[in-house]
Amino acid sequence: MTQDARDQEHANPSKPEIHDDRHEVGNEDLAAAFLRDTEVVEEALEDGKKIRRKGIYLLPNLFTTSALFSGFFAVVAGINGEFTSAAVAIFIAMVLDGLDGRVARMTNTQSAFGAEYDSLADMISFGMAPALVAFTWILQDIGKTGWVVAFLYVACAALRLARFNVQIGSTDKKWFIGLPSPSAAAVVAASVWTFHSFDADAFGFKLLMLVVVAAAGVLMVSNIRYYSFKDLDFKKPVPFVVLLAVVLGFVMISVEPSVMLLLLFGAYVLSGPIYAVMRKAKP
């Protein structure tokens, strides 16, 4: 070997490559620690035995997250003055909220985490959103009374949801104790949608919205019973006229959605006090 070749070999020695896995191991440890620290662990009963279950069910929580997004969108739309979009978003949140529980029961994916998450999402969609939409549209013109009534609605919605959570399993499923928060939000949203569409900004409509929001809040924390429709069996055959009535209902709602939804949920809100008076009148 010549001197030049030896010098070149000395300058560029062929050494085996050594991989330092300490960085990768460190990253894996951090990821594993993050997953371990953020994992949801809850106790559940399966076949009469108490077990510890890790993780959450994705499908029902996706519906809950969609309902939460609709409620947040309603708040943003109300702030931007898009009150029709805000009202529609509240109704979309109402539909999604009704689906998450049914999906969980159909797929047997009920969990304590899902119940708590659903309650918190309801507080945004049916507590904060309707009050803020009503306030930014017309209640703020009344001054301090407007925001006090809006806060009354929010507080009553929180109390209603808290009471509902502690009464699960101890009350008759056929009835709700107090006006359900989705129905209260629906009547407020439908009122905003209807009156805003008609450019109803007179002082009389301001007082009317004040009464609607305050009454919806108080009815939520009342002891007035409302029919829950949970005892309806959709698997049984029904007369043909029932399906015809459903079709006619959809047609009527599509003609003037805001007015028909206001009449529909307004009738449901009034059904509770009317039924209570009828019960008192019975000997």
Protein backbone atom coordinates (compact mmCIF):
# COMPACT_ATOMS: atom_id res chain seq x y z
CA MET A 1 0.00 0.00 0.00
CA THR A 2 1.40 3.37 -0.92
CA GLN A 3 1.93 6.19 1.51
CA ASP A 4 -0.95 8.21 -0.06
CA ALA A 5 -3.36 5.31 0.35
CA ARG A 6 -2.38 4.82 3.98
CA ASP A 7 -2.86 8.54 4.67
CA GLN A 8 -6.32 8.49 3.03
CA GLU A 9 -7.39 5.43 5.05
CA HIS A 10 -6.18 7.09 8.23
CA ALA A 11 -8.10 10.28 7.41
CA ASN A 12 -11.36 8.45 6.66
CA PRO A 13 -11.53 5.38 8.89
CA SER A 14 -14.47 3.08 8.34
CA LYS A 15 -16.11 2.79 11.78
CA PRO A 16 -19.35 0.98 12.45
CA GLU A 17 -22.32 3.28 12.98
CA ILE A 18 -23.56 3.41 16.56
CA HIS A 19 -27.22 4.39 17.14
CA ASP A 20 -27.97 6.25 20.32
CA ASP A 21 -31.41 4.99 21.41
CA ARG A 22 -31.49 7.03 24.57
CA HIS A 23 -33.34 9.91 22.87
CA GLU A 24 -35.98 7.57 21.42
CA VAL A 25 -36.40 5.78 24.74
CA GLY A 26 -36.82 9.15 26.44
CA ASN A 27 -39.54 10.17 24.00
CA GLU A 28 -41.32 6.88 24.50
CA ASP A 29 -41.18 7.31 28.26
CA LEU A 30 -42.63 10.82 28.00
CA ALA A 31 -45.44 9.65 25.71
CA ALA A 32 -46.24 6.70 27.95
CA ALA A 33 -46.23 8.94 31.01
CA PHE A 34 -48.53 11.45 29.30
CA LEU A 35 -50.99 8.73 28.29
CA ARG A 36 -50.88 7.24 31.77
CA ASP A 37 -51.44 10.56 33.54
CA THR A 38 -54.29 11.65 31.25
CA GLU A 39 -56.10 8.32 31.05
CA VAL A 40 -59.69 8.19 32.29
CA VAL A 41 -60.27 5.42 34.81
CA GLU A 42 -63.72 4.76 36.23
CA GLU A 43 -65.38 2.00 38.20
CA ALA A 44 -68.26 0.16 36.56
CA LEU A 45 -70.50 -2.82 37.32
CA GLU A 46 -70.40 -5.72 34.87
CA ASP A 47 -72.20 -8.98 35.69
CA GLY A 48 -72.61 -7.80 39.27
CA LYS A 49 -68.87 -7.26 39.73
CA LYS A 50 -67.13 -3.92 40.20
CA ILE A 51 -64.32 -3.43 37.70
CA ARG A 52 -61.94 -0.60 36.83
CA ARG A 53 -62.31 0.46 33.21
CA LYS A 54 -59.81 2.58 31.31
CA GLY A 55 -60.57 4.84 28.38
CA ILE A 56 -63.77 6.38 27.05
CA TYR A 57 -66.31 5.41 24.40
CA LEU A 58 -65.79 7.46 21.25
CA LEU A 59 -69.13 7.23 19.43
CA PRO A 60 -71.56 8.76 21.98
CA ASN A 61 -68.98 11.37 23.02
CA LEU A 62 -68.68 12.48 19.40
CA PHE A 63 -72.38 13.39 19.44
CA THR A 64 -71.89 15.21 22.75
CA THR A 65 -68.93 17.12 21.34
CA SER A 66 -70.97 18.07 18.28
CA ALA A 67 -73.75 19.38 20.53
CA LEU A 68 -71.17 21.35 22.52
CA PHE A 69 -69.79 22.83 19.30
CA SER A 70 -73.30 23.86 18.21
CA GLY A 71 -73.86 25.60 21.53
CA PHE A 72 -70.54 27.43 21.26
CA PHE A 73 -71.33 28.40 17.67
CA ALA A 74 -74.65 29.84 18.86
CA VAL A 75 -72.79 32.05 21.35
CA VAL A 76 -70.37 33.29 18.67
CA ALA A 77 -73.18 33.87 16.17
CA GLY A 78 -75.17 35.83 18.76
CA ILE A 79 -72.17 38.05 19.51
CA ASN A 80 -71.77 38.70 15.79
CA GLY A 81 -75.44 39.62 15.43
CA GLU A 82 -76.40 36.50 13.44
CA PHE A 83 -79.39 35.64 15.62
CA THR A 84 -81.14 33.34 13.15
CA SER A 85 -78.01 31.20 12.84
CA ALA A 86 -77.63 31.23 16.61
CA ALA A 87 -81.19 29.98 17.14
CA VAL A 88 -80.79 27.25 14.52
CA ALA A 89 -77.54 26.13 16.18
CA ILE A 90 -79.33 25.73 19.52
CA PHE A 91 -81.94 23.49 17.86
CA ILE A 92 -79.17 21.45 16.22
CA ALA A 93 -77.55 21.05 19.64
CA MET A 94 -80.91 19.88 20.95
CA VAL A 95 -81.15 17.16 18.29
CA LEU A 96 -77.56 16.01 18.89
CA ASP A 97 -78.11 15.96 22.64
CA GLY A 98 -81.06 13.65 22.14
CA LEU A 99 -78.98 11.31 19.99
CA ASP A 100 -75.94 10.81 22.20
CA GLY A 101 -77.85 9.09 24.99
CA ARG A 102 -79.81 6.90 22.61
CA VAL A 103 -76.65 5.90 20.74
CA ALA A 104 -74.96 5.04 24.04
CA ARG A 105 -77.88 2.82 25.07
CA MET A 106 -78.16 1.16 21.65
CA THR A 107 -74.44 0.34 21.54
CA ASN A 108 -74.18 -0.39 25.28
CA THR A 109 -71.52 2.30 25.72
CA GLN A 110 -72.93 4.15 28.73
CA SER A 111 -70.36 5.50 31.16
CA ALA A 112 -70.10 7.91 34.06
CA PHE A 113 -67.67 10.02 32.04
CA GLY A 114 -70.19 10.32 29.21
CA ALA A 115 -72.95 11.36 31.62
CA GLU A 116 -70.82 14.09 33.20
CA TYR A 117 -69.56 15.28 29.82
CA ASP A 118 -73.12 15.46 28.51
CA SER A 119 -74.20 17.52 31.52
CA LEU A 120 -71.38 20.03 31.03
CA ALA A 121 -72.16 20.29 27.32
CA ASP A 122 -75.83 20.90 28.17
CA MET A 123 -74.81 23.76 30.43
CA ILE A 124 -73.15 25.50 27.48
CA SER A 125 -75.73 24.65 24.81
CA PHE A 126 -78.92 25.09 26.86
CA GLY A 127 -77.75 27.33 29.69
CA MET A 128 -75.22 29.88 28.49
CA ALA A 129 -76.07 29.99 24.78
CA PRO A 130 -79.81 30.88 24.97
CA ALA A 131 -79.24 33.48 27.68
CA LEU A 132 -76.39 35.17 25.81
CA VAL A 133 -78.24 35.12 22.49
CA ALA A 134 -81.34 36.67 24.07
CA PHE A 135 -79.22 39.22 25.92
CA THR A 136 -77.15 40.33 22.92
CA TRP A 137 -80.29 40.62 20.79
CA ILE A 138 -82.74 42.56 22.95
CA LEU A 139 -82.28 42.17 26.72
CA GLN A 140 -79.23 44.41 26.81
CA ASP A 141 -81.47 47.31 25.75
CA ILE A 142 -83.32 47.05 29.07
CA GLY A 143 -80.19 47.69 31.10
CA LYS A 144 -79.42 46.02 34.40
CA THR A 145 -82.72 44.17 34.46
CA GLY A 146 -81.84 42.48 31.18
CA TRP A 147 -78.55 40.97 32.30
CA VAL A 148 -79.97 40.05 35.71
CA VAL A 149 -82.74 38.04 34.02
CA ALA A 150 -80.20 36.46 31.66
CA PHE A 151 -78.09 35.44 34.66
CA LEU A 152 -81.20 34.10 36.39
CA TYR A 153 -81.77 31.80 33.43
CA VAL A 154 -78.15 30.59 33.47
CA ALA A 155 -78.22 29.92 37.22
CA CYS A 156 -81.53 28.07 36.97
CA ALA A 157 -80.17 25.93 34.13
CA ALA A 158 -77.15 24.98 36.27
CA LEU A 159 -79.38 24.15 39.24
CA ARG A 160 -81.73 22.15 37.01
CA LEU A 161 -78.90 20.03 35.61
CA ALA A 162 -77.39 19.47 39.06
CA ARG A 163 -80.74 18.37 40.48
CA PHE A 164 -81.38 16.11 37.50
CA ASN A 165 -78.00 14.39 37.95
CA VAL A 166 -78.61 13.55 41.61
CA GLN A 167 -82.18 12.38 40.97
CA ILE A 168 -81.32 9.87 38.22
CA GLY A 169 -82.86 6.53 39.11
CA SER A 170 -84.97 7.88 41.97
CA THR A 171 -87.82 9.47 40.00
CA ASP A 172 -90.48 8.21 37.62
CA LYS A 173 -88.99 8.08 34.12
CA LYS A 174 -92.35 9.06 32.67
CA TRP A 175 -92.02 12.59 34.07
CA PHE A 176 -89.42 15.32 34.32
CA ILE A 177 -89.37 17.31 37.56
CA GLY A 178 -89.16 20.85 36.26
CA LEU A 179 -88.91 22.03 32.66
CA PRO A 180 -86.06 20.20 30.85
CA SER A 181 -83.21 22.53 29.93
CA PRO A 182 -83.33 21.66 26.18
CA SER A 183 -87.02 22.62 26.05
CA ALA A 184 -86.35 25.86 27.94
CA ALA A 185 -83.54 26.68 25.50
CA ALA A 186 -85.81 25.81 22.57
CA VAL A 187 -88.56 28.22 23.60
CA VAL A 188 -86.03 31.03 24.14
CA ALA A 189 -84.28 30.33 20.83
CA ALA A 190 -87.58 30.08 18.95
CA SER A 191 -88.70 33.40 20.45
CA VAL A 192 -85.49 35.11 19.34
CA TRP A 193 -85.73 33.52 15.90
CA THR A 194 -89.40 34.51 15.41
CA PHE A 195 -89.32 38.04 16.76
CA HIS A 196 -86.00 38.85 15.09
CA SER A 197 -87.35 37.64 11.74
CA PHE A 198 -90.26 40.06 12.12
CA ASP A 199 -87.94 42.92 13.19
CA ALA A 200 -89.84 43.10 16.46
CA ASP A 201 -87.76 45.53 18.50
CA ALA A 202 -90.51 47.56 20.18
CA PHE A 203 -90.50 47.96 23.96
CA GLY A 204 -93.39 45.52 24.28
CA PHE A 205 -91.34 42.75 22.68
CA LYS A 206 -88.47 43.55 25.03
CA LEU A 207 -90.76 43.03 27.99
CA LEU A 208 -92.12 39.86 26.39
CA MET A 209 -88.63 38.41 25.98
CA LEU A 210 -87.89 39.40 29.57
CA VAL A 211 -90.90 37.38 30.72
CA VAL A 212 -90.09 34.43 28.45
CA VAL A 213 -86.49 34.11 29.65
CA ALA A 214 -87.39 34.58 33.31
CA ALA A 215 -90.32 32.14 33.14
CA ALA A 216 -88.24 29.49 31.37
CA GLY A 217 -85.57 29.79 34.06
CA VAL A 218 -88.01 29.56 36.97
CA LEU A 219 -89.88 26.61 35.43
CA MET A 220 -86.61 24.67 35.16
CA VAL A 221 -86.13 24.70 38.95
CA SER A 222 -89.82 24.27 39.78
CA ASN A 223 -91.45 21.03 40.93
CA ILE A 224 -93.91 21.07 38.04
CA ARG A 225 -93.94 17.75 36.21
CA TYR A 226 -93.45 17.52 32.44
CA TYR A 227 -94.12 14.48 30.32
CA SER A 228 -90.82 12.89 29.26
CA PHE A 229 -92.06 10.75 26.31
CA LYS A 230 -89.68 8.01 27.52
CA ASP A 231 -92.46 5.44 27.81
CA LEU A 232 -93.26 5.60 24.10
CA ASP A 233 -92.42 2.35 22.34
CA PHE A 234 -91.38 3.05 18.76
CA LYS A 235 -91.03 -0.66 18.03
CA LYS A 236 -94.75 -1.36 18.28
CA PRO A 237 -97.06 -0.90 15.27
CA VAL A 238 -99.16 2.25 15.24
CA PRO A 239 -102.22 3.31 13.22
CA PHE A 240 -101.58 4.80 9.81
CA VAL A 241 -103.02 8.14 10.93
CA VAL A 242 -100.09 8.58 13.35
CA LEU A 243 -97.58 8.54 10.50
CA LEU A 244 -99.82 10.91 8.55
CA ALA A 245 -99.87 13.31 11.50
CA VAL A 246 -96.06 13.21 11.71
CA VAL A 247 -95.77 14.02 7.99
CA LEU A 248 -98.23 16.92 8.34
CA GLY A 249 -96.24 18.17 11.31
CA PHE A 250 -93.02 18.27 9.28
CA VAL A 251 -94.83 20.07 6.47
CA MET A 252 -96.21 22.71 8.82
CA ILE A 253 -92.82 23.27 10.43
CA SER A 254 -91.14 23.65 7.04
CA VAL A 255 -93.60 26.38 6.01
CA GLU A 256 -92.61 28.75 8.84
CA PRO A 257 -90.02 27.00 11.03
CA SER A 258 -89.54 29.73 13.63
CA VAL A 259 -93.25 30.28 14.30
CA MET A 260 -94.17 26.60 14.35
CA LEU A 261 -91.29 25.67 16.64
CA LEU A 262 -92.27 28.50 18.97
CA LEU A 263 -95.87 27.25 19.06
CA LEU A 264 -94.76 23.65 19.56
CA PHE A 265 -92.37 24.26 22.43
CA GLY A 266 -94.55 27.00 23.86
CA ALA A 267 -97.36 24.46 24.14
CA TYR A 268 -95.00 22.02 25.86
CA VAL A 269 -93.88 24.68 28.34
CA LEU A 270 -97.50 25.53 29.17
CA SER A 271 -98.47 21.86 29.45
CA GLY A 272 -96.70 21.55 32.79
CA PRO A 273 -98.57 24.33 34.64
CA ILE A 274 -101.87 23.31 32.99
CA TYR A 275 -101.43 19.71 34.12
CA ALA A 276 -100.52 20.88 37.63
CA VAL A 277 -103.70 22.99 37.83
CA MET A 278 -105.78 20.06 36.58
CA ARG A 279 -104.29 17.80 39.26
CA LYS A 280 -105.08 20.37 41.96
CA ALA A 281 -108.64 20.71 40.66
CA LYS A 282 -109.31 16.97 40.98
CA PRO A 283 -111.16 16.00 44.18
